Amino acid sequence: MAQRQTSRGRAQDRAHVAGGQDHEVKYEAKKEGVSKDVVEKAVKSAGNSRRKVEAEVGRH
C-alpha cells in the first residue's frame, strides 16, 4: 500500500491504527460507532492493521 507524504515530508500510513494515538483511536471509534475502549481492545487483540481492527470491532 502506498504511503502518503504529510506536509512535513514524513510518510503517513493510513493502513494502520496507532493505538497509542488518542486522536486515531477517537477517529476510528466515531467512524465505527463504538467506544474508544472497544477500539483499544481491538488493536490489542488484532494488531494495528486498520482492516483487522475494523473486523474485530464488527464482532462486538
C-alpha atoms as a PDB file:
ATOM      1  CA  MET A   1       0.000   0.000   0.000  1.00  0.00           C
ATOM      2  CA  ALA A   2       1.379   3.391  -0.966  1.00  0.00           C
ATOM      3  CA  GLN A   3       2.246   5.827   1.744  1.00  0.00           C
ATOM      4  CA  ARG A   4       1.293   9.454   1.543  1.00  0.00           C
ATOM      5  CA  GLN A   5       3.586  12.320   2.499  1.00  0.00           C
ATOM      6  CA  THR A   6       2.499  14.718   5.219  1.00  0.00           C
ATOM      7  CA  SER A   7       3.049  18.449   4.941  1.00  0.00           C
ATOM      8  CA  ARG A   8       6.254  17.948   6.935  1.00  0.00           C
ATOM      9  CA  GLY A   9       7.528  15.393   4.419  1.00  0.00           C
ATOM     10  CA  ARG A  10       7.004  12.378   6.649  1.00  0.00           C
ATOM     11  CA  ALA A  11       5.481   9.138   5.421  1.00  0.00           C
ATOM     12  CA  GLN A  12       1.934   8.531   6.613  1.00  0.00           C
ATOM     13  CA  ASP A  13       0.451   5.052   6.566  1.00  0.00           C
ATOM     14  CA  ARG A  14      -3.336   5.016   6.649  1.00  0.00           C
ATOM     15  CA  ALA A  15      -3.487   1.225   6.674  1.00  0.00           C
ATOM     16  CA  HIS A  16      -2.645   1.134  10.392  1.00  0.00           C
ATOM     17  CA  VAL A  17      -4.280   2.408  13.557  1.00  0.00           C
ATOM     18  CA  ALA A  18      -1.823   3.858  16.057  1.00  0.00           C
ATOM     19  CA  GLY A  19      -3.363   2.547  19.268  1.00  0.00           C
ATOM     20  CA  GLY A  20      -1.258   4.911  21.362  1.00  0.00           C
ATOM     21  CA  GLN A  21      -2.502   7.977  19.490  1.00  0.00           C
ATOM     22  CA  ASP A  22      -5.674   9.231  21.161  1.00  0.00           C
ATOM     23  CA  HIS A  23      -6.870  11.106  18.074  1.00  0.00           C
ATOM     24  CA  GLU A  24      -6.590   7.992  15.890  1.00  0.00           C
ATOM     25  CA  VAL A  25      -8.477   5.872  18.415  1.00  0.00           C
ATOM     26  CA  LYS A  26     -11.202   8.538  18.695  1.00  0.00           C
ATOM     27  CA  TYR A  27     -11.488   8.763  14.899  1.00  0.00           C
ATOM     28  CA  GLU A  28     -11.823   5.007  14.474  1.00  0.00           C
ATOM     29  CA  ALA A  29     -14.333   4.784  17.352  1.00  0.00           C
ATOM     30  CA  LYS A  30     -16.502   7.528  15.863  1.00  0.00           C
ATOM     31  CA  LYS A  31     -16.262   6.007  12.385  1.00  0.00           C
ATOM     32  CA  GLU A  32     -17.320   2.566  13.649  1.00  0.00           C
ATOM     33  CA  GLY A  33     -19.901   3.886  16.134  1.00  0.00           C
ATOM     34  CA  VAL A  34     -18.274   2.284  19.179  1.00  0.00           C
ATOM     35  CA  SER A  35     -16.432   3.462  22.275  1.00  0.00           C
ATOM     36  CA  LYS A  36     -12.702   4.157  22.459  1.00  0.00           C
ATOM     37  CA  ASP A  37     -12.317   1.177  24.787  1.00  0.00           C
ATOM     38  CA  VAL A  38     -13.654  -1.193  22.120  1.00  0.00           C
ATOM     39  CA  VAL A  39     -11.151   0.142  19.564  1.00  0.00           C
ATOM     40  CA  GLU A  40      -8.259  -0.067  22.032  1.00  0.00           C
ATOM     41  CA  LYS A  41      -9.130  -3.682  22.857  1.00  0.00           C
ATOM     42  CA  ALA A  42      -9.412  -4.489  19.148  1.00  0.00           C
ATOM     43  CA  VAL A  43      -5.948  -3.038  18.498  1.00  0.00           C
ATOM     44  CA  LYS A  44      -4.522  -5.109  21.350  1.00  0.00           C
ATOM     45  CA  SER A  45      -6.106  -8.353  20.152  1.00  0.00           C
ATOM     46  CA  ALA A  46      -5.938  -7.938  16.349  1.00  0.00           C
ATOM     47  CA  GLY A  47      -2.853  -5.759  15.923  1.00  0.00           C
ATOM     48  CA  ASN A  48      -2.715  -2.326  14.338  1.00  0.00           C
ATOM     49  CA  SER A  49      -3.913  -3.214  10.829  1.00  0.00           C
ATOM     50  CA  ARG A  50      -6.929  -0.980  10.159  1.00  0.00           C
ATOM     51  CA  ARG A  51      -8.680  -3.777   8.246  1.00  0.00           C
ATOM     52  CA  LYS A  52      -8.208  -6.249  11.133  1.00  0.00           C
ATOM     53  CA  VAL A  53      -9.262  -3.690  13.749  1.00  0.00           C
ATOM     54  CA  GLU A  54     -12.437  -2.914  11.801  1.00  0.00           C
ATOM     55  CA  ALA A  55     -13.223  -6.635  11.509  1.00  0.00           C
ATOM     56  CA  GLU A  56     -12.627  -7.120  15.243  1.00  0.00           C
ATOM     57  CA  VAL A  57     -14.827  -4.129  16.113  1.00  0.00           C
ATOM     58  CA  GLY A  58     -17.561  -5.510  13.851  1.00  0.00           C
ATOM     59  CA  ARG A  59     -17.732  -8.636  16.028  1.00  0.00           C
ATOM     60  CA  HIS A  60     -18.782  -6.616  19.097  1.00  0.00           C
END
